[in-house]
């Protein structure tokens, strides 16, 4: 298990919600500062995903990266924009987490 690759993967996944948040704040790229921040995070997040794939298989890395991003974005929407979160959404977040754990345990890549 390459801990540095896992670190890059988690960092890239955690940066996913940042570009989604800055995209919303950019008002469809009409606010230049927020638009620039969006592009920055849009480039940085997959950059770290790419670094992680030096020792984590592509499919596993991508699934974990998008899972972290999806969960992080859901949480950010709830905390920052006070969006409602239904019980069924929480159930499926746990399904994503279970999938990531399953990939880690049985995928052979992490």
PDB file of N, CA and C in Angstrom:
ATOM      1  N   UNK A   1       0.854  -1.181   0.000  1.00  0.00           N
ATOM      2  CA  UNK A   1       0.000   0.000   0.000  1.00  0.00           C
ATOM      3  C   UNK A   1       0.897   1.241   0.000  1.00  0.00           C
ATOM      4  N   UNK A   2       0.727   2.066  -0.989  1.00  0.00           N
ATOM      5  CA  UNK A   2       1.505   3.292  -1.110  1.00  0.00           C
ATOM      6  C   UNK A   2       0.736   4.427  -0.433  1.00  0.00           C
ATOM      7  N   UNK A   3       1.182   4.801   0.757  1.00  0.00           N
ATOM      8  CA  UNK A   3       0.471   5.825   1.534  1.00  0.00           C
ATOM      9  C   UNK A   3       0.474   7.186   0.839  1.00  0.00           C
ATOM     10  N   UNK A   4       1.558   7.486   0.126  1.00  0.00           N
ATOM     11  CA  UNK A   4       1.605   8.770  -0.572  1.00  0.00           C
ATOM     12  C   UNK A   4       0.549   8.824  -1.678  1.00  0.00           C
ATOM     13  N   UNK A   5       0.357   7.726  -2.389  1.00  0.00           N
ATOM     14  CA  UNK A   5      -0.661   7.678  -3.437  1.00  0.00           C
ATOM     15  C   UNK A   5      -2.057   7.848  -2.827  1.00  0.00           C
ATOM     16  N   UNK A   6      -2.281   7.222  -1.694  1.00  0.00           N
ATOM     17  CA  UNK A   6      -3.574   7.373  -1.018  1.00  0.00           C
ATOM     18  C   UNK A   6      -3.764   8.822  -0.569  1.00  0.00           C
ATOM     19  N   UNK A   7      -2.706   9.434  -0.065  1.00  0.00           N
ATOM     20  CA  UNK A   7      -2.769  10.838   0.337  1.00  0.00           C
ATOM     21  C   UNK A   7      -3.161  11.720  -0.845  1.00  0.00           C
ATOM     22  N   UNK A   8      -2.503  11.522  -2.022  1.00  0.00           N
ATOM     23  CA  UNK A   8      -2.813  12.323  -3.204  1.00  0.00           C
ATOM     24  C   UNK A   8      -4.260  12.107  -3.629  1.00  0.00           C
ATOM     25  N   UNK A   9      -4.713  10.858  -3.548  1.00  0.00           N
ATOM     26  CA  UNK A   9      -6.079  10.535  -3.945  1.00  0.00           C
ATOM     27  C   UNK A   9      -7.099  11.223  -3.047  1.00  0.00           C
ATOM     28  N   UNK A  10      -6.896  11.148  -1.753  1.00  0.00           N
ATOM     29  CA  UNK A  10      -7.822  11.782  -0.807  1.00  0.00           C
ATOM     30  C   UNK A  10      -7.789  13.299  -0.976  1.00  0.00           C
ATOM     31  N   UNK A  11      -6.599  13.868  -1.133  1.00  0.00           N
ATOM     32  CA  UNK A  11      -6.484  15.315  -1.326  1.00  0.00           C
ATOM     33  C   UNK A  11      -7.216  15.748  -2.592  1.00  0.00           C
ATOM     34  N   UNK A  12      -7.024  15.013  -3.678  1.00  0.00           N
ATOM     35  CA  UNK A  12      -7.726  15.337  -4.917  1.00  0.00           C
ATOM     36  C   UNK A  12      -9.230  15.250  -4.751  1.00  0.00           C
ATOM     37  N   UNK A  13      -9.695  14.220  -4.047  1.00  0.00           N
ATOM     38  CA  UNK A  13     -11.127  14.075  -3.795  1.00  0.00           C
ATOM     39  C   UNK A  13     -11.689  15.194  -2.940  1.00  0.00           C
ATOM     40  N   UNK A  14     -10.910  15.608  -1.951  1.00  0.00           N
ATOM     41  CA  UNK A  14     -11.369  16.702  -1.073  1.00  0.00           C
ATOM     42  C   UNK A  14     -11.417  18.040  -1.794  1.00  0.00           C
ATOM     43  N   UNK A  15     -10.644  18.189  -2.866  1.00  0.00           N
ATOM     44  CA  UNK A  15     -10.657  19.436  -3.630  1.00  0.00           C
ATOM     45  C   UNK A  15     -11.824  19.513  -4.607  1.00  0.00           C
ATOM     46  N   UNK A  16     -12.463  18.386  -4.887  1.00  0.00           N
ATOM     47  CA  UNK A  16     -13.609  18.376  -5.799  1.00  0.00           C
ATOM     48  C   UNK A  16     -14.712  19.354  -5.371  1.00  0.00           C
ATOM     49  N   UNK A  17     -15.155  19.317  -4.112  1.00  0.00           N
ATOM     50  CA  UNK A  17     -16.213  20.260  -3.727  1.00  0.00           C
ATOM     51  C   UNK A  17     -15.796  21.723  -3.867  1.00  0.00           C
ATOM     52  N   UNK A  18     -14.500  22.009  -3.785  1.00  0.00           N
ATOM     53  CA  UNK A  18     -14.053  23.390  -3.891  1.00  0.00           C
ATOM     54  C   UNK A  18     -14.374  23.977  -5.267  1.00  0.00           C
ATOM     55  N   UNK A  19     -14.143  23.172  -6.332  1.00  0.00           N
ATOM     56  CA  UNK A  19     -14.449  23.749  -7.646  1.00  0.00           C
ATOM     57  C   UNK A  19     -15.948  23.846  -7.870  1.00  0.00           C
ATOM     58  N   UNK A  20     -16.718  22.968  -7.267  1.00  0.00           N
ATOM     59  CA  UNK A  20     -18.170  23.059  -7.411  1.00  0.00           C
ATOM     60  C   UNK A  20     -18.687  24.301  -6.674  1.00  0.00           C
ATOM     61  N   UNK A  21     -18.174  24.542  -5.484  1.00  0.00           N
ATOM     62  CA  UNK A  21     -18.582  25.718  -4.706  1.00  0.00           C
ATOM     63  C   UNK A  21     -18.178  27.000  -5.433  1.00  0.00           C
ATOM     64  N   UNK A  22     -16.922  27.058  -5.906  1.00  0.00           N
ATOM     65  CA  UNK A  22     -16.468  28.273  -6.594  1.00  0.00           C
ATOM     66  C   UNK A  22     -17.199  28.448  -7.924  1.00  0.00           C
ATOM     67  N   UNK A  23     -17.595  27.337  -8.559  1.00  0.00           N
ATOM     68  CA  UNK A  23     -18.372  27.436  -9.795  1.00  0.00           C
ATOM     69  C   UNK A  23     -19.714  28.111  -9.525  1.00  0.00           C
ATOM     70  N   UNK A  24     -20.362  27.710  -8.448  1.00  0.00           N
ATOM     71  CA  UNK A  24     -21.642  28.334  -8.084  1.00  0.00           C
ATOM     72  C   UNK A  24     -21.433  29.812  -7.760  1.00  0.00           C
ATOM     73  N   UNK A  25     -20.369  30.119  -7.025  1.00  0.00           N
ATOM     74  CA  UNK A  25     -20.093  31.512  -6.653  1.00  0.00           C
ATOM     75  C   UNK A  25     -19.675  32.358  -7.856  1.00  0.00           C
ATOM     76  N   UNK A  26     -19.182  31.706  -8.917  1.00  0.00           N
ATOM     77  CA  UNK A  26     -18.746  32.464 -10.098  1.00  0.00           C
ATOM     78  C   UNK A  26     -19.922  32.991 -10.917  1.00  0.00           C
ATOM     79  N   UNK A  27     -21.142  32.514 -10.589  1.00  0.00           N
ATOM     80  CA  UNK A  27     -22.348  32.949 -11.310  1.00  0.00           C
ATOM     81  C   UNK A  27     -22.175  32.722 -12.816  1.00  0.00           C
ATOM     82  N   UNK A  28     -21.954  31.467 -13.176  1.00  0.00           N
ATOM     83  CA  UNK A  28     -21.754  31.072 -14.583  1.00  0.00           C
ATOM     84  C   UNK A  28     -20.561  31.800 -15.206  1.00  0.00           C
ATOM     85  N   UNK A  29     -19.490  31.892 -14.452  1.00  0.00           N
ATOM     86  CA  UNK A  29     -18.229  32.513 -14.879  1.00  0.00           C
ATOM     87  C   UNK A  29     -18.352  34.006 -15.148  1.00  0.00           C
ATOM     88  N   UNK A  30     -19.329  34.662 -14.531  1.00  0.00           N
ATOM     89  CA  UNK A  30     -19.492  36.108 -14.690  1.00  0.00           C
ATOM     90  C   UNK A  30     -18.690  36.892 -13.665  1.00  0.00           C
ATOM     91  N   UNK A  31     -18.231  36.213 -12.613  1.00  0.00           N
ATOM     92  CA  UNK A  31     -17.417  36.866 -11.582  1.00  0.00           C
ATOM     93  C   UNK A  31     -15.995  36.336 -11.745  1.00  0.00           C
ATOM     94  N   UNK A  32     -15.093  37.133 -12.302  1.00  0.00           N
ATOM     95  CA  UNK A  32     -13.770  36.655 -12.712  1.00  0.00           C
ATOM     96  C   UNK A  32     -12.939  36.009 -11.601  1.00  0.00           C
ATOM     97  N   UNK A  33     -12.965  36.555 -10.410  1.00  0.00           N
ATOM     98  CA  UNK A  33     -12.179  35.983  -9.320  1.00  0.00           C
ATOM     99  C   UNK A  33     -12.619  34.564  -8.984  1.00  0.00           C
ATOM    100  N   UNK A  34     -13.935  34.392  -8.866  1.00  0.00           N
ATOM    101  CA  UNK A  34     -14.476  33.063  -8.574  1.00  0.00           C
ATOM    102  C   UNK A  34     -14.282  32.125  -9.762  1.00  0.00           C
ATOM    103  N   UNK A  35     -14.382  32.655 -10.965  1.00  0.00           N
ATOM    104  CA  UNK A  35     -14.168  31.832 -12.163  1.00  0.00           C
ATOM    105  C   UNK A  35     -12.734  31.321 -12.206  1.00  0.00           C
ATOM    106  N   UNK A  36     -11.789  32.182 -11.869  1.00  0.00           N
ATOM    107  CA  UNK A  36     -10.386  31.778 -11.836  1.00  0.00           C
ATOM    108  C   UNK A  36     -10.157  30.713 -10.764  1.00  0.00           C
ATOM    109  N   UNK A  37     -10.774  30.895  -9.612  1.00  0.00           N
ATOM    110  CA  UNK A  37     -10.662  29.893  -8.542  1.00  0.00           C
ATOM    111  C   UNK A  37     -11.249  28.560  -9.001  1.00  0.00           C
ATOM    112  N   UNK A  38     -12.352  28.607  -9.737  1.00  0.00           N
ATOM    113  CA  UNK A  38     -12.973  27.389 -10.253  1.00  0.00           C
ATOM    114  C   UNK A  38     -12.008  26.635 -11.162  1.00  0.00           C
ATOM    115  N   UNK A  39     -11.416  27.347 -12.101  1.00  0.00           N
ATOM    116  CA  UNK A  39     -10.471  26.710 -13.032  1.00  0.00           C
ATOM    117  C   UNK A  39      -9.272  26.148 -12.269  1.00  0.00           C
ATOM    118  N   UNK A  40      -8.789  26.880 -11.286  1.00  0.00           N
ATOM    119  CA  UNK A  40      -7.662  26.417 -10.477  1.00  0.00           C
ATOM    120  C   UNK A  40      -7.972  25.072  -9.817  1.00  0.00           C
ATOM    121  N   UNK A  41      -9.115  24.991  -9.141  1.00  0.00           N
ATOM    122  CA  UNK A  41      -9.481  23.739  -8.463  1.00  0.00           C
ATOM    123  C   UNK A  41      -9.845  22.641  -9.455  1.00  0.00           C
ATOM    124  N   UNK A  42     -10.407  23.029 -10.618  1.00  0.00           N
ATOM    125  CA  UNK A  42     -10.721  22.035 -11.651  1.00  0.00           C
ATOM    126  C   UNK A  42      -9.456  21.382 -12.198  1.00  0.00           C
ATOM    127  N   UNK A  43      -8.367  22.101 -12.188  1.00  0.00           N
ATOM    128  CA  UNK A  43      -7.088  21.543 -12.649  1.00  0.00           C
ATOM    129  C   UNK A  43      -6.348  20.820 -11.531  1.00  0.00           C
ATOM    130  N   UNK A  44      -6.410  21.354 -10.336  1.00  0.00           N
ATOM    131  CA  UNK A  44      -5.653  20.794  -9.222  1.00  0.00           C
ATOM    132  C   UNK A  44      -6.191  19.443  -8.765  1.00  0.00           C
ATOM    133  N   UNK A  45      -7.494  19.317  -8.677  1.00  0.00           N
ATOM    134  CA  UNK A  45      -8.088  18.072  -8.195  1.00  0.00           C
ATOM    135  C   UNK A  45      -7.710  16.866  -9.060  1.00  0.00           C
ATOM    136  N   UNK A  46      -7.896  16.914 -10.388  1.00  0.00           N
ATOM    137  CA  UNK A  46      -7.490  15.760 -11.191  1.00  0.00           C
ATOM    138  C   UNK A  46      -5.970  15.597 -11.282  1.00  0.00           C
ATOM    139  N   UNK A  47      -5.223  16.678 -11.056  1.00  0.00           N
ATOM    140  CA  UNK A  47      -3.773  16.551 -11.006  1.00  0.00           C
ATOM    141  C   UNK A  47      -3.375  15.586  -9.893  1.00  0.00           C
ATOM    142  N   UNK A  48      -3.977  15.763  -8.711  1.00  0.00           N
ATOM    143  CA  UNK A  48      -3.676  14.867  -7.599  1.00  0.00           C
ATOM    144  C   UNK A  48      -4.198  13.455  -7.856  1.00  0.00           C
ATOM    145  N   UNK A  49      -5.337  13.348  -8.544  1.00  0.00           N
ATOM    146  CA  UNK A  49      -5.827  12.029  -8.948  1.00  0.00           C
ATOM    147  C   UNK A  49      -4.777  11.341  -9.808  1.00  0.00           C
ATOM    148  N   UNK A  50      -4.220  12.064 -10.752  1.00  0.00           N
ATOM    149  CA  UNK A  50      -3.185  11.506 -11.629  1.00  0.00           C
ATOM    150  C   UNK A  50      -1.960  11.040 -10.853  1.00  0.00           C
ATOM    151  N   UNK A  51      -1.554  11.822  -9.865  1.00  0.00           N
ATOM    152  CA  UNK A  51      -0.411  11.410  -9.038  1.00  0.00           C
ATOM    153  C   UNK A  51      -0.700  10.105  -8.302  1.00  0.00           C
ATOM    154  N   UNK A  52      -1.935   9.953  -7.857  1.00  0.00           N
ATOM    155  CA  UNK A  52      -2.292   8.751  -7.092  1.00  0.00           C
ATOM    156  C   UNK A  52      -2.258   7.496  -7.954  1.00  0.00           C
ATOM    157  N   UNK A  53      -2.473   7.666  -9.257  1.00  0.00           N
ATOM    158  CA  UNK A  53      -2.550   6.500 -10.136  1.00  0.00           C
ATOM    159  C   UNK A  53      -1.189   5.899 -10.454  1.00  0.00           C
ATOM    160  N   UNK A  54      -0.138   6.421  -9.819  1.00  0.00           N
ATOM    161  CA  UNK A  54       1.172   5.794  -9.989  1.00  0.00           C
ATOM    162  C   UNK A  54       1.186   4.410  -9.356  1.00  0.00           C
ATOM    163  N   UNK A  55       0.336   4.195  -8.345  1.00  0.00           N
ATOM    164  CA  UNK A  55       0.303   2.869  -7.718  1.00  0.00           C
ATOM    165  C   UNK A  55      -1.106   2.387  -7.379  1.00  0.00           C
ATOM    166  N   UNK A  56      -2.131   3.168  -7.724  1.00  0.00           N
ATOM    167  CA  UNK A  56      -3.514   2.750  -7.499  1.00  0.00           C
ATOM    168  C   UNK A  56      -4.153   2.565  -8.876  1.00  0.00           C
ATOM    169  N   UNK A  57      -4.800   1.431  -9.113  1.00  0.00           N
ATOM    170  CA  UNK A  57      -5.426   1.210 -10.422  1.00  0.00           C
ATOM    171  C   UNK A  57      -6.423   2.301 -10.784  1.00  0.00           C
ATOM    172  N   UNK A  58      -6.508   2.585 -12.063  1.00  0.00           N
ATOM    173  CA  UNK A  58      -7.339   3.654 -12.590  1.00  0.00           C
ATOM    174  C   UNK A  58      -8.786   3.567 -12.101  1.00  0.00           C
ATOM    175  N   UNK A  59      -9.413   2.428 -12.239  1.00  0.00           N
ATOM    176  CA  UNK A  59     -10.816   2.279 -11.851  1.00  0.00           C
ATOM    177  C   UNK A  59     -11.049   2.516 -10.378  1.00  0.00           C
ATOM    178  N   UNK A  60     -10.175   1.971  -9.557  1.00  0.00           N
ATOM    179  CA  UNK A  60     -10.290   2.156  -8.110  1.00  0.00           C
ATOM    180  C   UNK A  60     -10.066   3.615  -7.742  1.00  0.00           C
ATOM    181  N   UNK A  61      -9.019   4.217  -8.295  1.00  0.00           N
ATOM    182  CA  UNK A  61      -8.698   5.611  -7.984  1.00  0.00           C
ATOM    183  C   UNK A  61      -9.851   6.526  -8.383  1.00  0.00           C
ATOM    184  N   UNK A  62     -10.379   6.315  -9.571  1.00  0.00           N
ATOM    185  CA  UNK A  62     -11.454   7.185 -10.049  1.00  0.00           C
ATOM    186  C   UNK A  62     -12.714   7.028  -9.197  1.00  0.00           C
ATOM    187  N   UNK A  63     -13.047   5.799  -8.838  1.00  0.00           N
ATOM    188  CA  UNK A  63     -14.238   5.563  -8.016  1.00  0.00           C
ATOM    189  C   UNK A  63     -14.101   6.225  -6.647  1.00  0.00           C
ATOM    190  N   UNK A  64     -12.943   6.104  -6.041  1.00  0.00           N
ATOM    191  CA  UNK A  64     -12.721   6.715  -4.731  1.00  0.00           C
ATOM    192  C   UNK A  64     -12.745   8.233  -4.848  1.00  0.00           C
ATOM    193  N   UNK A  65     -12.078   8.762  -5.858  1.00  0.00           N
ATOM    194  CA  UNK A  65     -11.996  10.217  -6.077  1.00  0.00           C
ATOM    195  C   UNK A  65     -13.384  10.823  -6.261  1.00  0.00           C
ATOM    196  N   UNK A  66     -14.187  10.208  -7.125  1.00  0.00           N
ATOM    197  CA  UNK A  66     -15.530  10.742  -7.351  1.00  0.00           C
ATOM    198  C   UNK A  66     -16.427  10.540  -6.129  1.00  0.00           C
ATOM    199  N   UNK A  67     -16.217   9.441  -5.400  1.00  0.00           N
ATOM    200  CA  UNK A  67     -16.997   9.204  -4.180  1.00  0.00           C
ATOM    201  C   UNK A  67     -16.725  10.267  -3.129  1.00  0.00           C
ATOM    202  N   UNK A  68     -15.448  10.556  -2.922  1.00  0.00           N
ATOM    203  CA  UNK A  68     -15.086  11.607  -1.962  1.00  0.00           C
ATOM    204  C   UNK A  68     -15.662  12.942  -2.417  1.00  0.00           C
ATOM    205  N   UNK A  69     -15.548  13.230  -3.713  1.00  0.00           N
ATOM    206  CA  UNK A  69     -16.076  14.485  -4.244  1.00  0.00           C
ATOM    207  C   UNK A  69     -17.581  14.592  -4.103  1.00  0.00           C
ATOM    208  N   UNK A  70     -18.290  13.503  -4.380  1.00  0.00           N
ATOM    209  CA  UNK A  70     -19.748  13.525  -4.279  1.00  0.00           C
ATOM    210  C   UNK A  70     -20.207  13.726  -2.844  1.00  0.00           C
ATOM    211  N   UNK A  71     -19.588  13.007  -1.935  1.00  0.00           N
ATOM    212  CA  UNK A  71     -19.954  13.141  -0.522  1.00  0.00           C
ATOM    213  C   UNK A  71     -19.595  14.540  -0.016  1.00  0.00           C
ATOM    214  N   UNK A  72     -18.410  15.010  -0.373  1.00  0.00           N
ATOM    215  CA  UNK A  72     -17.980  16.346   0.055  1.00  0.00           C
ATOM    216  C   UNK A  72     -18.876  17.439  -0.483  1.00  0.00           C
ATOM    217  N   UNK A  73     -19.314  17.298  -1.734  1.00  0.00           N
ATOM    218  CA  UNK A  73     -20.184  18.297  -2.336  1.00  0.00           C
ATOM    219  C   UNK A  73     -21.564  18.288  -1.681  1.00  0.00           C
ATOM    220  N   UNK A  74     -22.072  17.117  -1.376  1.00  0.00           N
ATOM    221  CA  UNK A  74     -23.353  17.014  -0.672  1.00  0.00           C
ATOM    222  C   UNK A  74     -23.270  17.702   0.693  1.00  0.00           C
ATOM    223  N   UNK A  75     -22.197  17.434   1.419  1.00  0.00           N
ATOM    224  CA  UNK A  75     -21.999  18.055   2.739  1.00  0.00           C
ATOM    225  C   UNK A  75     -21.847  19.565   2.605  1.00  0.00           C
ATOM    226  N   UNK A  76     -21.067  20.017   1.615  1.00  0.00           N
ATOM    227  CA  UNK A  76     -20.864  21.450   1.408  1.00  0.00           C
ATOM    228  C   UNK A  76     -22.185  22.139   1.072  1.00  0.00           C
ATOM    229  N   UNK A  77     -23.002  21.518   0.233  1.00  0.00           N
ATOM    230  CA  UNK A  77     -24.298  22.098  -0.104  1.00  0.00           C
ATOM    231  C   UNK A  77     -25.175  22.256   1.117  1.00  0.00           C
ATOM    232  N   UNK A  78     -25.119  21.269   1.993  1.00  0.00           N
ATOM    233  CA  UNK A  78     -25.905  21.314   3.224  1.00  0.00           C
ATOM    234  C   UNK A  78     -25.396  22.414   4.162  1.00  0.00           C
ATOM    235  N   UNK A  79     -24.069  22.467   4.361  1.00  0.00           N
ATOM    236  CA  UNK A  79     -23.491  23.407   5.324  1.00  0.00           C
ATOM    237  C   UNK A  79     -23.453  24.843   4.820  1.00  0.00           C
ATOM    238  N   UNK A  80     -23.108  25.039   3.556  1.00  0.00           N
ATOM    239  CA  UNK A  80     -22.911  26.391   3.034  1.00  0.00           C
ATOM    240  C   UNK A  80     -24.207  26.986   2.486  1.00  0.00           C
ATOM    241  N   UNK A  81     -24.952  26.178   1.731  1.00  0.00           N
ATOM    242  CA  UNK A  81     -26.149  26.696   1.059  1.00  0.00           C
ATOM    243  C   UNK A  81     -27.447  26.244   1.715  1.00  0.00           C
ATOM    244  N   UNK A  82     -27.326  25.530   2.831  1.00  0.00           N
ATOM    245  CA  UNK A  82     -28.484  25.068   3.595  1.00  0.00           C
ATOM    246  C   UNK A  82     -29.470  24.274   2.728  1.00  0.00           C
ATOM    247  N   UNK A  83     -28.896  23.492   1.800  1.00  0.00           N
ATOM    248  CA  UNK A  83     -29.724  22.631   0.960  1.00  0.00           C
ATOM    249  C   UNK A  83     -30.227  21.464   1.801  1.00  0.00           C
ATOM    250  N   UNK A  84     -31.425  21.036   1.495  1.00  0.00           N
ATOM    251  CA  UNK A  84     -31.983  19.922   2.267  1.00  0.00           C
ATOM    252  C   UNK A  84     -31.298  18.618   1.865  1.00  0.00           C
ATOM    253  N   UNK A  85     -31.192  17.741   2.831  1.00  0.00           N
ATOM    254  CA  UNK A  85     -30.627  16.409   2.598  1.00  0.00           C
ATOM    255  C   UNK A  85     -31.663  15.404   3.096  1.00  0.00           C
ATOM    256  N   UNK A  86     -32.134  14.600   2.196  1.00  0.00           N
ATOM    257  CA  UNK A  86     -33.152  13.609   2.536  1.00  0.00           C
ATOM    258  C   UNK A  86     -32.496  12.348   3.100  1.00  0.00           C
ATOM    259  N   UNK A  87     -33.262  11.583   3.826  1.00  0.00           N
ATOM    260  CA  UNK A  87     -32.752  10.341   4.409  1.00  0.00           C
ATOM    261  C   UNK A  87     -32.237   9.383   3.342  1.00  0.00           C
ATOM    262  N   UNK A  88     -32.918   9.350   2.215  1.00  0.00           N
ATOM    263  CA  UNK A  88     -32.495   8.446   1.142  1.00  0.00           C
ATOM    264  C   UNK A  88     -31.120   8.860   0.605  1.00  0.00           C
ATOM    265  N   UNK A  89     -30.837  10.158   0.581  1.00  0.00           N
ATOM    266  CA  UNK A  89     -29.519  10.625   0.149  1.00  0.00           C
ATOM    267  C   UNK A  89     -28.451  10.158   1.130  1.00  0.00           C
ATOM    268  N   UNK A  90     -28.759  10.241   2.415  1.00  0.00           N
ATOM    269  CA  UNK A  90     -27.807   9.773   3.430  1.00  0.00           C
ATOM    270  C   UNK A  90     -27.572   8.280   3.276  1.00  0.00           C
ATOM    271  N   UNK A  91     -28.623   7.522   3.001  1.00  0.00           N
ATOM    272  CA  UNK A  91     -28.476   6.085   2.767  1.00  0.00           C
ATOM    273  C   UNK A  91     -27.507   5.835   1.611  1.00  0.00           C
ATOM    274  N   UNK A  92     -27.678   6.557   0.524  1.00  0.00           N
ATOM    275  CA  UNK A  92     -26.815   6.327  -0.628  1.00  0.00           C
ATOM    276  C   UNK A  92     -25.389   6.838  -0.406  1.00  0.00           C
ATOM    277  N   UNK A  93     -25.203   7.819   0.458  1.00  0.00           N
ATOM    278  CA  UNK A  93     -23.844   8.209   0.845  1.00  0.00           C
ATOM    279  C   UNK A  93     -23.161   7.030   1.526  1.00  0.00           C
ATOM    280  N   UNK A  94     -23.893   6.328   2.386  1.00  0.00           N
ATOM    281  CA  UNK A  94     -23.318   5.148   3.031  1.00  0.00           C
ATOM    282  C   UNK A  94     -23.044   4.037   2.018  1.00  0.00           C
ATOM    283  N   UNK A  95     -23.855   3.957   0.973  1.00  0.00           N
ATOM    284  CA  UNK A  95     -23.589   2.984  -0.091  1.00  0.00           C
ATOM    285  C   UNK A  95     -22.281   3.336  -0.800  1.00  0.00           C
ATOM    286  N   UNK A  96     -22.051   4.628  -1.051  1.00  0.00           N
ATOM    287  CA  UNK A  96     -20.790   5.060  -1.663  1.00  0.00           C
ATOM    288  C   UNK A  96     -19.622   4.688  -0.753  1.00  0.00           C
ATOM    289  N   UNK A  97     -19.755   4.985   0.538  1.00  0.00           N
ATOM    290  CA  UNK A  97     -18.681   4.659   1.489  1.00  0.00           C
ATOM    291  C   UNK A  97     -18.430   3.163   1.513  1.00  0.00           C
ATOM    292  N   UNK A  98     -19.501   2.367   1.523  1.00  0.00           N
ATOM    293  CA  UNK A  98     -19.343   0.909   1.498  1.00  0.00           C
ATOM    294  C   UNK A  98     -18.637   0.465   0.224  1.00  0.00           C
ATOM    295  N   UNK A  99     -18.952   1.099  -0.896  1.00  0.00           N
ATOM    296  CA  UNK A  99     -18.288   0.768  -2.159  1.00  0.00           C
ATOM    297  C   UNK A  99     -16.813   1.089  -2.136  1.00  0.00           C
ATOM    298  N   UNK A 100     -16.465   2.237  -1.561  1.00  0.00           N
ATOM    299  CA  UNK A 100     -15.050   2.614  -1.453  1.00  0.00           C
ATOM    300  C   UNK A 100     -14.304   1.621  -0.558  1.00  0.00           C
ATOM    301  N   UNK A 101     -14.914   1.250   0.547  1.00  0.00           N
ATOM    302  CA  UNK A 101     -14.291   0.268   1.444  1.00  0.00           C
ATOM    303  C   UNK A 101     -14.150  -1.071   0.730  1.00  0.00           C
ATOM    304  N   UNK A 102     -15.189  -1.468  -0.010  1.00  0.00           N
ATOM    305  CA  UNK A 102     -15.117  -2.720  -0.760  1.00  0.00           C
ATOM    306  C   UNK A 102     -14.013  -2.700  -1.799  1.00  0.00           C
ATOM    307  N   UNK A 103     -13.870  -1.586  -2.501  1.00  0.00           N
ATOM    308  CA  UNK A 103     -12.784  -1.467  -3.474  1.00  0.00           C
ATOM    309  C   UNK A 103     -11.425  -1.570  -2.793  1.00  0.00           C
ATOM    310  N   UNK A 104     -11.320  -0.965  -1.638  1.00  0.00           N
ATOM    311  CA  UNK A 104     -10.056  -1.011  -0.917  1.00  0.00           C
ATOM    312  C   UNK A 104      -9.760  -2.440  -0.441  1.00  0.00           C
ATOM    313  N   UNK A 105     -10.759  -3.116   0.045  1.00  0.00           N
ATOM    314  CA  UNK A 105     -10.550  -4.456   0.590  1.00  0.00           C
ATOM    315  C   UNK A 105     -10.343  -5.511  -0.497  1.00  0.00           C
ATOM    316  N   UNK A 106     -11.081  -5.395  -1.594  1.00  0.00           N
ATOM    317  CA  UNK A 106     -11.091  -6.469  -2.588  1.00  0.00           C
ATOM    318  C   UNK A 106     -10.546  -6.051  -3.956  1.00  0.00           C
ATOM    319  N   UNK A 107     -10.262  -4.761  -4.115  1.00  0.00           N
ATOM    320  CA  UNK A 107      -9.780  -4.289  -5.408  1.00  0.00           C
ATOM    321  C   UNK A 107      -8.321  -4.581  -5.652  1.00  0.00           C
ATOM    322  N   UNK A 108      -7.571  -4.836  -4.619  1.00  0.00           N
ATOM    323  CA  UNK A 108      -6.159  -5.162  -4.769  1.00  0.00           C
ATOM    324  C   UNK A 108      -5.269  -3.984  -5.098  1.00  0.00           C
ATOM    325  N   UNK A 109      -5.837  -2.786  -5.226  1.00  0.00           N
ATOM    326  CA  UNK A 109      -5.031  -1.656  -5.633  1.00  0.00           C
ATOM    327  C   UNK A 109      -4.614  -0.722  -4.536  1.00  0.00           C
ATOM    328  N   UNK A 110      -5.301  -0.775  -3.427  1.00  0.00           N
ATOM    329  CA  UNK A 110      -4.977   0.145  -2.350  1.00  0.00           C
ATOM    330  C   UNK A 110      -4.542  -0.684  -1.200  1.00  0.00           C
TER     331      UNK A 110
END
